[in-house]
Each structure stands twice: as C-alpha cells, then as structure tokens.
C-alpha cells in the first residue's frame, strides 16, 4: 500500500534525482528505492556493530582457543 506524503528537498538534490531517475517510473519510485537502500545499509551497519561487540566481548576466549589449536599443529 502506498501512502502519499510530502517532502522538502533542496534544489540541488532534486536536480541530481532528476538526472539519475531515468531508469525509474517516477521521482517517487527513485526516492523510495534510495530510502530502502539506505535503510538496508543502516541495518547492515547495526548488525556489523553488534557482531563486533560480540567478538570483542569474547576475544580473549577466542584467542586462547586459537592458540590451543595451533599448539596441536606439527611443525613443518
């Protein structure tokens, strides 16, 4: 379902949209796709941040396990 809304953009941004929107049916479609892409990027960044927090929280344990595994390797 589409909901009609109104936004205010600078003239410069609107001109850039118009130059790039030839592959879309309308400015609205272009702006919706741009917003979806930006929102997906934000979600990926948030997930990456959470993953990094988990890794950092467990870094000492993970590093100890890695050293332990390396101790089992036969020297070349």
N, C-alpha and C. Protein backbone atom coordinates (compact mmCIF):
# COMPACT_ATOMS: atom_id res chain seq x y z
N UNK A 1 0.84 -1.18 0.00
CA UNK A 1 0.00 0.00 0.00
C UNK A 1 0.89 1.24 0.00
N UNK A 2 0.59 2.15 -0.87
CA UNK A 2 1.34 3.41 -0.96
C UNK A 2 0.59 4.48 -0.19
N UNK A 3 1.36 5.33 0.46
CA UNK A 3 0.79 6.46 1.20
C UNK A 3 1.39 7.73 0.65
N UNK A 4 0.56 8.64 0.27
CA UNK A 4 1.02 9.91 -0.28
C UNK A 4 1.58 10.76 0.85
N UNK A 5 2.75 11.35 0.59
CA UNK A 5 3.38 12.20 1.57
C UNK A 5 4.05 13.37 0.85
N UNK A 6 4.50 14.30 1.60
CA UNK A 6 5.18 15.45 1.03
C UNK A 6 6.54 15.61 1.71
N UNK A 7 7.58 15.84 0.92
CA UNK A 7 8.90 16.07 1.48
C UNK A 7 9.48 17.35 0.88
N UNK A 8 10.43 17.91 1.55
CA UNK A 8 11.10 19.11 1.07
C UNK A 8 12.55 18.76 0.81
N UNK A 9 12.99 19.04 -0.42
CA UNK A 9 14.37 18.76 -0.82
C UNK A 9 15.00 20.05 -1.34
N UNK A 10 16.31 20.10 -1.24
CA UNK A 10 17.00 21.25 -1.82
C UNK A 10 16.93 21.14 -3.34
N UNK A 11 17.04 22.27 -3.99
CA UNK A 11 17.01 22.30 -5.46
C UNK A 11 18.12 21.42 -6.02
N UNK A 12 19.28 21.47 -5.42
CA UNK A 12 20.43 20.70 -5.88
C UNK A 12 20.14 19.19 -5.82
N UNK A 13 19.57 18.73 -4.72
CA UNK A 13 19.25 17.30 -4.57
C UNK A 13 18.19 16.89 -5.60
N UNK A 14 17.19 17.71 -5.77
CA UNK A 14 16.14 17.40 -6.74
C UNK A 14 16.70 17.33 -8.16
N UNK A 15 17.61 18.22 -8.49
CA UNK A 15 18.26 18.18 -9.81
C UNK A 15 19.06 16.89 -9.98
N UNK A 16 19.77 16.48 -8.93
CA UNK A 16 20.54 15.23 -9.01
C UNK A 16 19.61 14.03 -9.18
N UNK A 17 18.48 14.04 -8.47
CA UNK A 17 17.49 12.97 -8.61
C UNK A 17 16.97 12.93 -10.03
N UNK A 18 16.64 14.07 -10.57
CA UNK A 18 16.11 14.12 -11.93
C UNK A 18 17.13 13.60 -12.95
N UNK A 19 18.41 13.87 -12.73
CA UNK A 19 19.44 13.39 -13.65
C UNK A 19 19.61 11.87 -13.56
N UNK A 20 19.33 11.29 -12.39
CA UNK A 20 19.55 9.86 -12.18
C UNK A 20 18.29 9.01 -12.29
N UNK A 21 17.14 9.62 -12.33
CA UNK A 21 15.89 8.86 -12.20
C UNK A 21 15.35 8.33 -13.53
N UNK A 22 16.11 8.42 -14.61
CA UNK A 22 15.61 7.98 -15.91
C UNK A 22 15.30 6.49 -15.96
N UNK A 23 15.89 5.69 -15.07
CA UNK A 23 15.62 4.25 -15.04
C UNK A 23 14.42 3.90 -14.16
N UNK A 24 13.77 4.89 -13.63
CA UNK A 24 12.63 4.68 -12.74
C UNK A 24 11.39 5.31 -13.36
N UNK A 25 10.23 4.86 -12.89
CA UNK A 25 8.97 5.39 -13.44
C UNK A 25 8.65 6.80 -12.97
N UNK A 26 9.21 7.17 -11.83
CA UNK A 26 8.90 8.49 -11.27
C UNK A 26 9.94 8.88 -10.23
N UNK A 27 9.90 10.13 -9.83
CA UNK A 27 10.75 10.57 -8.72
C UNK A 27 10.41 9.77 -7.47
N UNK A 28 9.13 9.53 -7.25
CA UNK A 28 8.70 8.79 -6.05
C UNK A 28 9.34 7.41 -6.00
N UNK A 29 9.34 6.72 -7.15
CA UNK A 29 9.94 5.39 -7.18
C UNK A 29 11.44 5.47 -6.90
N UNK A 30 12.09 6.47 -7.49
CA UNK A 30 13.52 6.65 -7.26
C UNK A 30 13.79 6.89 -5.77
N UNK A 31 13.05 7.80 -5.17
CA UNK A 31 13.26 8.15 -3.76
C UNK A 31 12.94 6.96 -2.86
N UNK A 32 11.91 6.19 -3.18
CA UNK A 32 11.58 5.00 -2.38
C UNK A 32 12.71 3.97 -2.44
N UNK A 33 13.24 3.73 -3.64
CA UNK A 33 14.35 2.77 -3.78
C UNK A 33 15.59 3.27 -3.06
N UNK A 34 15.86 4.57 -3.14
CA UNK A 34 17.02 5.14 -2.44
C UNK A 34 16.85 5.00 -0.93
N UNK A 35 15.64 5.25 -0.43
CA UNK A 35 15.38 5.12 1.00
C UNK A 35 15.53 3.67 1.45
N UNK A 36 15.02 2.72 0.66
CA UNK A 36 15.16 1.30 1.01
C UNK A 36 16.63 0.90 1.06
N UNK A 37 17.39 1.37 0.09
CA UNK A 37 18.81 1.05 0.05
C UNK A 37 19.53 1.62 1.26
N UNK A 38 19.22 2.85 1.61
CA UNK A 38 19.85 3.49 2.77
C UNK A 38 19.45 2.77 4.06
N UNK A 39 18.19 2.40 4.18
CA UNK A 39 17.73 1.69 5.38
C UNK A 39 18.39 0.32 5.49
N UNK A 40 18.57 -0.37 4.37
CA UNK A 40 19.27 -1.67 4.38
C UNK A 40 20.72 -1.48 4.81
N UNK A 41 21.34 -0.40 4.34
CA UNK A 41 22.72 -0.11 4.73
C UNK A 41 22.82 0.16 6.24
N UNK A 42 21.87 0.90 6.77
CA UNK A 42 21.85 1.15 8.22
C UNK A 42 21.68 -0.16 8.99
N UNK A 43 20.80 -1.04 8.51
CA UNK A 43 20.58 -2.33 9.19
C UNK A 43 21.86 -3.17 9.16
N UNK A 44 22.57 -3.18 8.01
CA UNK A 44 23.83 -3.93 7.93
C UNK A 44 24.86 -3.35 8.89
N UNK A 45 24.93 -2.02 8.96
CA UNK A 45 25.89 -1.39 9.87
C UNK A 45 25.58 -1.73 11.32
N UNK A 46 24.30 -1.74 11.68
CA UNK A 46 23.91 -2.09 13.04
C UNK A 46 24.25 -3.55 13.34
N UNK A 47 24.00 -4.44 12.38
CA UNK A 47 24.33 -5.86 12.58
C UNK A 47 25.84 -6.04 12.71
N UNK A 48 26.61 -5.34 11.88
CA UNK A 48 28.07 -5.41 11.98
C UNK A 48 28.56 -4.91 13.34
N UNK A 49 27.95 -3.85 13.83
CA UNK A 49 28.33 -3.30 15.14
C UNK A 49 28.04 -4.31 16.24
N UNK A 50 26.86 -4.94 16.18
CA UNK A 50 26.51 -5.95 17.18
C UNK A 50 27.47 -7.14 17.11
N UNK A 51 27.78 -7.59 15.88
CA UNK A 51 28.71 -8.71 15.72
C UNK A 51 30.08 -8.37 16.30
N UNK A 52 30.55 -7.17 16.02
CA UNK A 52 31.85 -6.75 16.54
C UNK A 52 31.85 -6.70 18.07
N UNK A 53 30.75 -6.24 18.65
CA UNK A 53 30.65 -6.22 20.11
C UNK A 53 30.73 -7.63 20.67
N UNK A 54 30.08 -8.60 20.01
CA UNK A 54 30.12 -9.99 20.47
C UNK A 54 31.53 -10.54 20.34
N UNK A 55 32.18 -10.28 19.21
CA UNK A 55 33.55 -10.76 19.02
C UNK A 55 34.47 -10.15 20.07
N UNK A 56 34.37 -8.85 20.28
CA UNK A 56 35.24 -8.19 21.25
C UNK A 56 34.99 -8.70 22.67
N UNK A 57 33.73 -8.97 22.98
CA UNK A 57 33.39 -9.47 24.32
C UNK A 57 34.00 -10.85 24.55
N UNK A 58 34.17 -11.61 23.47
CA UNK A 58 34.68 -12.97 23.58
C UNK A 58 36.10 -13.12 23.04
N UNK A 59 36.77 -12.02 22.79
CA UNK A 59 38.08 -12.05 22.14
C UNK A 59 39.11 -12.87 22.91
N UNK A 60 39.20 -12.69 24.21
CA UNK A 60 40.19 -13.42 25.00
C UNK A 60 39.96 -14.93 24.89
N UNK A 61 38.72 -15.35 25.01
CA UNK A 61 38.40 -16.78 24.92
C UNK A 61 38.70 -17.31 23.51
N UNK A 62 38.31 -16.56 22.48
CA UNK A 62 38.55 -16.99 21.10
C UNK A 62 40.04 -17.06 20.79
N UNK A 63 40.81 -16.09 21.28
CA UNK A 63 42.25 -16.11 21.05
C UNK A 63 42.91 -17.28 21.77
N UNK A 64 42.46 -17.58 22.98
CA UNK A 64 43.01 -18.72 23.72
C UNK A 64 42.72 -20.02 22.98
N UNK A 65 41.52 -20.16 22.45
CA UNK A 65 41.18 -21.36 21.69
C UNK A 65 42.06 -21.47 20.45
N UNK A 66 42.30 -20.36 19.76
CA UNK A 66 43.14 -20.38 18.56
C UNK A 66 44.56 -20.82 18.90
N UNK A 67 45.11 -20.29 19.99
CA UNK A 67 46.45 -20.68 20.41
C UNK A 67 46.48 -22.16 20.75
N UNK A 68 45.46 -22.64 21.41
CA UNK A 68 45.37 -24.05 21.78
C UNK A 68 45.36 -24.93 20.53
N UNK A 69 44.60 -24.56 19.54
CA UNK A 69 44.54 -25.33 18.30
C UNK A 69 45.88 -25.31 17.59
N UNK A 70 46.54 -24.16 17.57
CA UNK A 70 47.84 -24.06 16.91
C UNK A 70 48.88 -24.92 17.59
N UNK A 71 48.75 -25.14 18.89
CA UNK A 71 49.70 -25.99 19.62
C UNK A 71 49.65 -27.44 19.12
N UNK A 72 48.55 -27.85 18.53
CA UNK A 72 48.42 -29.23 18.04
C UNK A 72 49.04 -29.42 16.66
N UNK A 73 49.39 -28.34 15.99
CA UNK A 73 49.96 -28.46 14.65
C UNK A 73 51.39 -28.98 14.71
N UNK A 74 51.74 -29.78 13.73
CA UNK A 74 53.08 -30.31 13.61
C UNK A 74 53.93 -29.28 12.87
N UNK A 75 55.12 -28.98 13.40
CA UNK A 75 56.00 -28.02 12.71
C UNK A 75 56.39 -28.56 11.34
N UNK A 76 56.52 -27.67 10.38
CA UNK A 76 56.93 -28.09 9.02
C UNK A 76 58.43 -28.15 8.90
